[in-house]
Amino acid sequence: MIIAYRFDCSVDQTYGALSVSLVRKSKLSDLLQDACADHGVSIYDAKSPLRLKELSETRHDFFHRAHQAGRWSLTQIARAAGRKDHTTVIHGIKAHQKRMGASQ
C-alpha cells in the first residue's frame, strides 16, 4: 500500500525543537514527481511517449500510487501522465502489482 503523504519539518527557534508533521499529497504532480525521483527519471521523460522499460515502470508506479490515494479518476491519472485514456492506467496498475508480487 502506498501512502500519499509528505513530511513537513520545522525548527522552533525558541526551544530548538524539531517538529515533523504529515501532510497529505494534494496533487497528482506531487505523486508523479515522487515516482520519478524513486526511479531516477525526469518528469519530462516519464510523460514522453517513449516505451523504455524504466520509463514504463515509473509510469506504472505512478499509476499505482495515484490509484491507491483514491482521490482521482483513472482518466485524470492518465492525463497527468500525458496519456490518452483510462485503459492505460488499468494496464499499468495490473503490471505494477504483478511485478511487485513477483519481486517479493
Protein backbone atom coordinates (compact mmCIF):
# COMPACT_ATOMS: atom_id res chain seq x y z
CA MET A 1 0.00 0.00 0.00
CA ILE A 2 1.36 3.38 -0.99
CA ILE A 3 0.73 6.21 1.43
CA ALA A 4 0.45 9.56 -0.31
CA TYR A 5 1.94 11.81 2.34
CA ARG A 6 4.98 14.01 2.65
CA PHE A 7 6.87 15.19 5.69
CA ASP A 8 7.00 18.86 6.60
CA CYS A 9 9.71 19.70 9.11
CA SER A 10 10.24 22.92 11.00
CA VAL A 11 12.52 24.01 13.81
CA ASP A 12 11.20 26.05 16.71
CA GLN A 13 13.81 28.78 17.21
CA THR A 14 12.72 29.42 20.80
CA TYR A 15 13.23 25.89 22.10
CA GLY A 16 15.31 24.40 19.32
CA ALA A 17 12.76 21.62 18.91
CA LEU A 18 12.14 19.84 15.64
CA SER A 19 8.53 19.27 14.75
CA VAL A 20 7.52 16.89 12.00
CA SER A 21 4.05 16.68 10.55
CA LEU A 22 2.49 14.58 7.82
CA VAL A 23 0.77 16.43 5.00
CA ARG A 24 -1.34 14.53 2.52
CA LYS A 25 -0.21 14.86 -1.08
CA SER A 26 -2.80 17.03 -2.74
CA LYS A 27 -1.67 16.95 -6.36
CA LEU A 28 -1.07 14.27 -8.93
CA SER A 29 2.04 16.17 -9.95
CA ASP A 30 3.50 15.55 -6.45
CA LEU A 31 2.93 11.81 -6.80
CA LEU A 32 4.45 11.82 -10.30
CA GLN A 33 7.46 13.73 -9.01
CA ASP A 34 7.93 11.19 -6.20
CA ALA A 35 7.70 8.22 -8.58
CA CYS A 36 10.21 9.85 -10.93
CA ALA A 37 12.60 10.57 -8.06
CA ASP A 38 12.36 6.98 -6.82
CA HIS A 39 13.14 5.61 -10.29
CA GLY A 40 15.73 8.24 -11.23
CA VAL A 41 13.98 9.59 -14.32
CA SER A 42 12.83 13.08 -15.23
CA ILE A 43 9.18 14.08 -15.31
CA TYR A 44 9.65 15.10 -18.94
CA ASP A 45 10.81 11.57 -19.83
CA ALA A 46 8.04 9.93 -17.78
CA LYS A 47 5.41 11.91 -19.70
CA SER A 48 7.03 11.20 -23.07
CA PRO A 49 5.68 8.59 -25.49
CA LEU A 50 8.89 6.54 -25.16
CA ARG A 51 8.32 2.92 -24.21
CA LEU A 52 11.63 2.18 -22.49
CA LYS A 53 11.33 -0.29 -19.62
CA GLU A 54 12.48 2.11 -16.90
CA LEU A 55 10.03 4.77 -18.10
CA SER A 56 7.13 2.33 -18.29
CA GLU A 57 7.89 1.06 -14.79
CA THR A 58 7.98 4.63 -13.49
CA ARG A 59 4.60 5.38 -15.06
CA HIS A 60 3.13 2.15 -13.69
CA ASP A 61 4.41 3.04 -10.21
CA PHE A 62 2.81 6.48 -10.52
CA PHE A 63 -0.49 4.95 -11.68
CA HIS A 64 -0.45 2.61 -8.68
CA ARG A 65 0.33 5.40 -6.18
CA ALA A 66 -2.36 7.69 -7.57
CA HIS A 67 -4.95 4.91 -7.66
CA GLN A 68 -4.14 3.91 -4.06
CA ALA A 69 -4.64 7.51 -2.94
CA GLY A 70 -8.21 7.14 -4.23
CA ARG A 71 -8.81 10.80 -4.97
CA TRP A 72 -8.67 10.84 -8.75
CA SER A 73 -10.42 9.10 -11.61
CA LEU A 74 -8.46 6.83 -13.92
CA THR A 75 -8.87 9.40 -16.70
CA GLN A 76 -7.42 12.16 -14.51
CA ILE A 77 -4.46 9.94 -13.64
CA ALA A 78 -3.88 9.16 -17.33
CA ARG A 79 -3.95 12.83 -18.32
CA ALA A 80 -1.48 13.73 -15.55
CA ALA A 81 0.98 11.25 -17.05
CA GLY A 82 0.47 12.50 -20.60
CA ARG A 83 -1.62 9.51 -21.62
CA LYS A 84 -4.90 9.47 -23.53
CA ASP A 85 -7.27 7.19 -21.65
CA HIS A 86 -8.03 5.20 -18.54
CA THR A 87 -7.26 1.78 -20.02
CA THR A 88 -3.56 2.60 -20.00
CA VAL A 89 -3.82 3.25 -16.27
CA ILE A 90 -5.66 -0.02 -15.67
CA HIS A 91 -2.96 -1.94 -17.54
CA GLY A 92 -0.21 -0.10 -15.66
CA ILE A 93 -1.72 -0.81 -12.25
CA LYS A 94 -2.04 -4.52 -13.07
CA ALA A 95 1.51 -4.66 -14.43
CA HIS A 96 2.88 -2.92 -11.33
CA GLN A 97 1.02 -5.29 -8.99
CA LYS A 98 2.25 -8.30 -10.96
CA ARG A 99 5.84 -7.02 -10.87
CA MET A 100 5.66 -6.32 -7.12
CA GLY A 101 4.17 -9.75 -6.48
CA ALA A 102 6.94 -11.42 -8.44
CA SER A 103 9.70 -9.49 -6.66
CA GLN A 104 8.55 -10.46 -3.14
